């Protein structure tokens, strides 16, 4: 699983360019989170007020054409925050690596590595763009 995440920011919108394996992991993580935490209020408490919007954007992206081996997700800053928290929180919700892998199709460290890669990419992008 690739840790590196490609992020570009335009007018407050972040475009994540994910390789297929990253996209599948994000979709599976969002789906697992939605099933594991069905209450929208609790979802917002866990990953932030943009939880519902993040779930919608990611689930809508599931059927995109992946023939280029990349999928782009356009996310607001709030949705990026929710994704970051989700990637860090979800591995803590399972006691066993086996149960987690069965549900998400990735290892816990894959999610935490992607979260750290996402944060690094946004930091690099912010340094290049300057304060917004």
C-alpha atoms as a PDB file:
ATOM      1  CA  UNK A   1       0.000   0.000   0.000  1.00  0.00           C
ATOM      2  CA  UNK A   2       1.348   3.383  -0.957  1.00  0.00           C
ATOM      3  CA  UNK A   3       1.796   5.886   1.836  1.00  0.00           C
ATOM      4  CA  UNK A   4       2.258   8.800  -0.544  1.00  0.00           C
ATOM      5  CA  UNK A   5      -0.939  10.688  -1.298  1.00  0.00           C
ATOM      6  CA  UNK A   6      -1.155  13.182  -4.140  1.00  0.00           C
ATOM      7  CA  UNK A   7      -3.040  16.343  -3.143  1.00  0.00           C
ATOM      8  CA  UNK A   8      -3.658  19.583  -5.007  1.00  0.00           C
ATOM      9  CA  UNK A   9      -5.557  22.541  -3.605  1.00  0.00           C
ATOM     10  CA  UNK A  10      -7.555  24.995  -5.677  1.00  0.00           C
ATOM     11  CA  UNK A  11      -9.725  27.691  -4.112  1.00  0.00           C
ATOM     12  CA  UNK A  12     -10.179  25.823  -0.837  1.00  0.00           C
ATOM     13  CA  UNK A  13     -10.976  22.467  -2.451  1.00  0.00           C
ATOM     14  CA  UNK A  14      -8.521  19.609  -2.087  1.00  0.00           C
ATOM     15  CA  UNK A  15      -8.225  17.134  -4.933  1.00  0.00           C
ATOM     16  CA  UNK A  16      -6.845  13.776  -3.866  1.00  0.00           C
ATOM     17  CA  UNK A  17      -5.476  11.688  -6.708  1.00  0.00           C
ATOM     18  CA  UNK A  18      -5.575   8.148  -5.366  1.00  0.00           C
ATOM     19  CA  UNK A  19      -4.152   5.019  -6.923  1.00  0.00           C
ATOM     20  CA  UNK A  20      -6.703   2.231  -7.185  1.00  0.00           C
ATOM     21  CA  UNK A  21      -5.534   0.429  -4.031  1.00  0.00           C
ATOM     22  CA  UNK A  22      -5.788   3.652  -1.990  1.00  0.00           C
ATOM     23  CA  UNK A  23      -9.236   4.393  -3.374  1.00  0.00           C
ATOM     24  CA  UNK A  24     -10.498   0.890  -2.582  1.00  0.00           C
ATOM     25  CA  UNK A  25      -9.123   1.200   0.957  1.00  0.00           C
ATOM     26  CA  UNK A  26     -10.857   4.567   1.460  1.00  0.00           C
ATOM     27  CA  UNK A  27     -14.168   3.244   0.109  1.00  0.00           C
ATOM     28  CA  UNK A  28     -13.962   0.115   2.278  1.00  0.00           C
ATOM     29  CA  UNK A  29     -13.026   2.202   5.321  1.00  0.00           C
ATOM     30  CA  UNK A  30     -15.955   4.565   4.812  1.00  0.00           C
ATOM     31  CA  UNK A  31     -18.348   1.667   4.239  1.00  0.00           C
ATOM     32  CA  UNK A  32     -17.086  -0.119   7.371  1.00  0.00           C
ATOM     33  CA  UNK A  33     -17.381   3.077   9.405  1.00  0.00           C
ATOM     34  CA  UNK A  34     -20.951   3.642   8.183  1.00  0.00           C
ATOM     35  CA  UNK A  35     -21.916   0.073   9.116  1.00  0.00           C
ATOM     36  CA  UNK A  36     -20.036   0.073  12.420  1.00  0.00           C
ATOM     37  CA  UNK A  37     -21.395   3.513  13.453  1.00  0.00           C
ATOM     38  CA  UNK A  38     -24.895   3.821  11.948  1.00  0.00           C
ATOM     39  CA  UNK A  39     -25.932   6.857  14.037  1.00  0.00           C
ATOM     40  CA  UNK A  40     -25.139  10.117  12.151  1.00  0.00           C
ATOM     41  CA  UNK A  41     -24.788  12.052  15.415  1.00  0.00           C
ATOM     42  CA  UNK A  42     -22.206   9.589  16.716  1.00  0.00           C
ATOM     43  CA  UNK A  43     -20.398   9.677  13.359  1.00  0.00           C
ATOM     44  CA  UNK A  44     -20.120  13.449  13.659  1.00  0.00           C
ATOM     45  CA  UNK A  45     -18.804  13.156  17.193  1.00  0.00           C
ATOM     46  CA  UNK A  46     -16.130  10.699  16.070  1.00  0.00           C
ATOM     47  CA  UNK A  47     -14.873  12.217  12.815  1.00  0.00           C
ATOM     48  CA  UNK A  48     -16.361  15.719  12.771  1.00  0.00           C
ATOM     49  CA  UNK A  49     -19.366  17.575  11.409  1.00  0.00           C
ATOM     50  CA  UNK A  50     -18.509  16.789   7.773  1.00  0.00           C
ATOM     51  CA  UNK A  51     -18.811  13.024   8.312  1.00  0.00           C
ATOM     52  CA  UNK A  52     -22.037  12.724   6.305  1.00  0.00           C
ATOM     53  CA  UNK A  53     -20.660  14.729   3.396  1.00  0.00           C
ATOM     54  CA  UNK A  54     -17.471  12.653   3.353  1.00  0.00           C
ATOM     55  CA  UNK A  55     -19.445   9.412   3.289  1.00  0.00           C
ATOM     56  CA  UNK A  56     -21.544  10.687   0.376  1.00  0.00           C
ATOM     57  CA  UNK A  57     -18.554  11.848  -1.691  1.00  0.00           C
ATOM     58  CA  UNK A  58     -16.588   8.647  -1.145  1.00  0.00           C
ATOM     59  CA  UNK A  59     -19.504   6.308  -1.786  1.00  0.00           C
ATOM     60  CA  UNK A  60     -20.394   8.266  -4.953  1.00  0.00           C
ATOM     61  CA  UNK A  61     -16.808   7.781  -6.145  1.00  0.00           C
ATOM     62  CA  UNK A  62     -17.062   3.999  -5.908  1.00  0.00           C
ATOM     63  CA  UNK A  63     -18.437   3.620  -9.429  1.00  0.00           C
ATOM     64  CA  UNK A  64     -16.015   5.977 -11.187  1.00  0.00           C
ATOM     65  CA  UNK A  65     -13.948   4.878 -14.152  1.00  0.00           C
ATOM     66  CA  UNK A  66     -10.668   3.574 -12.788  1.00  0.00           C
ATOM     67  CA  UNK A  67      -9.154   2.796 -16.186  1.00  0.00           C
ATOM     68  CA  UNK A  68      -6.430   5.389 -15.583  1.00  0.00           C
ATOM     69  CA  UNK A  69      -5.475   3.606 -12.338  1.00  0.00           C
ATOM     70  CA  UNK A  70      -6.258   6.791 -10.425  1.00  0.00           C
ATOM     71  CA  UNK A  71      -9.421   8.193  -8.897  1.00  0.00           C
ATOM     72  CA  UNK A  72      -9.802  11.830  -7.937  1.00  0.00           C
ATOM     73  CA  UNK A  73     -11.745  12.879  -4.872  1.00  0.00           C
ATOM     74  CA  UNK A  74     -12.594  16.546  -4.432  1.00  0.00           C
ATOM     75  CA  UNK A  75     -12.940  17.317  -0.736  1.00  0.00           C
ATOM     76  CA  UNK A  76     -13.439  20.401   1.402  1.00  0.00           C
ATOM     77  CA  UNK A  77     -11.116  21.094   4.315  1.00  0.00           C
ATOM     78  CA  UNK A  78     -13.771  19.703   6.673  1.00  0.00           C
ATOM     79  CA  UNK A  79     -14.101  16.522   4.634  1.00  0.00           C
ATOM     80  CA  UNK A  80     -10.293  16.138   4.571  1.00  0.00           C
ATOM     81  CA  UNK A  81     -10.315  16.456   8.357  1.00  0.00           C
ATOM     82  CA  UNK A  82     -13.035  13.809   8.622  1.00  0.00           C
ATOM     83  CA  UNK A  83     -11.087  11.465   6.340  1.00  0.00           C
ATOM     84  CA  UNK A  84      -7.905  11.971   8.339  1.00  0.00           C
ATOM     85  CA  UNK A  85      -9.659  11.229  11.639  1.00  0.00           C
ATOM     86  CA  UNK A  86     -11.497   8.246  10.138  1.00  0.00           C
ATOM     87  CA  UNK A  87      -8.228   6.717   8.904  1.00  0.00           C
ATOM     88  CA  UNK A  88      -6.727   7.073  12.384  1.00  0.00           C
ATOM     89  CA  UNK A  89      -9.827   6.104  14.391  1.00  0.00           C
ATOM     90  CA  UNK A  90     -11.070   3.058  12.493  1.00  0.00           C
ATOM     91  CA  UNK A  91      -8.072   0.822  13.325  1.00  0.00           C
ATOM     92  CA  UNK A  92      -8.696   1.487  17.024  1.00  0.00           C
ATOM     93  CA  UNK A  93     -12.274   0.205  16.744  1.00  0.00           C
ATOM     94  CA  UNK A  94     -11.179  -3.400  16.170  1.00  0.00           C
ATOM     95  CA  UNK A  95      -9.407  -5.579  18.695  1.00  0.00           C
ATOM     96  CA  UNK A  96      -7.922  -7.996  16.189  1.00  0.00           C
ATOM     97  CA  UNK A  97      -5.963  -7.363  13.023  1.00  0.00           C
ATOM     98  CA  UNK A  98      -7.739 -10.327  11.446  1.00  0.00           C
ATOM     99  CA  UNK A  99     -11.224  -8.885  12.043  1.00  0.00           C
ATOM    100  CA  UNK A 100     -10.078  -5.505  10.781  1.00  0.00           C
ATOM    101  CA  UNK A 101      -8.539  -6.958   7.623  1.00  0.00           C
ATOM    102  CA  UNK A 102     -11.667  -9.005   6.973  1.00  0.00           C
ATOM    103  CA  UNK A 103     -13.849  -5.861   7.139  1.00  0.00           C
ATOM    104  CA  UNK A 104     -11.593  -3.294   5.456  1.00  0.00           C
ATOM    105  CA  UNK A 105      -9.370  -5.412   3.217  1.00  0.00           C
ATOM    106  CA  UNK A 106      -6.233  -3.676   4.464  1.00  0.00           C
ATOM    107  CA  UNK A 107      -3.998  -3.793   7.499  1.00  0.00           C
ATOM    108  CA  UNK A 108      -4.401  -1.254  10.292  1.00  0.00           C
ATOM    109  CA  UNK A 109      -0.993   0.209   9.480  1.00  0.00           C
ATOM    110  CA  UNK A 110      -2.122   0.868   5.895  1.00  0.00           C
ATOM    111  CA  UNK A 111      -4.783   3.270   7.149  1.00  0.00           C
ATOM    112  CA  UNK A 112      -2.513   5.046   9.614  1.00  0.00           C
ATOM    113  CA  UNK A 113       0.221   5.321   6.980  1.00  0.00           C
ATOM    114  CA  UNK A 114      -2.245   6.846   4.537  1.00  0.00           C
ATOM    115  CA  UNK A 115      -3.427   9.312   7.188  1.00  0.00           C
ATOM    116  CA  UNK A 116       0.159  10.417   7.795  1.00  0.00           C
ATOM    117  CA  UNK A 117       0.788  10.606   4.037  1.00  0.00           C
ATOM    118  CA  UNK A 118      -2.328  12.736   3.610  1.00  0.00           C
ATOM    119  CA  UNK A 119      -1.188  15.128   6.315  1.00  0.00           C
ATOM    120  CA  UNK A 120       2.313  15.337   4.807  1.00  0.00           C
ATOM    121  CA  UNK A 121       0.935  16.001   1.317  1.00  0.00           C
ATOM    122  CA  UNK A 122      -1.324  18.790   2.551  1.00  0.00           C
ATOM    123  CA  UNK A 123       1.583  20.278   4.486  1.00  0.00           C
ATOM    124  CA  UNK A 124       3.766  20.214   1.375  1.00  0.00           C
ATOM    125  CA  UNK A 125       0.975  21.744  -0.713  1.00  0.00           C
ATOM    126  CA  UNK A 126       0.395  24.460   1.894  1.00  0.00           C
ATOM    127  CA  UNK A 127       4.104  25.294   1.966  1.00  0.00           C
ATOM    128  CA  UNK A 128       4.126  25.676  -1.833  1.00  0.00           C
ATOM    129  CA  UNK A 129       0.912  27.709  -1.985  1.00  0.00           C
ATOM    130  CA  UNK A 130       1.482  29.796   1.126  1.00  0.00           C
ATOM    131  CA  UNK A 131      -1.166  30.822   3.639  1.00  0.00           C
ATOM    132  CA  UNK A 132      -4.761  30.853   2.430  1.00  0.00           C
END
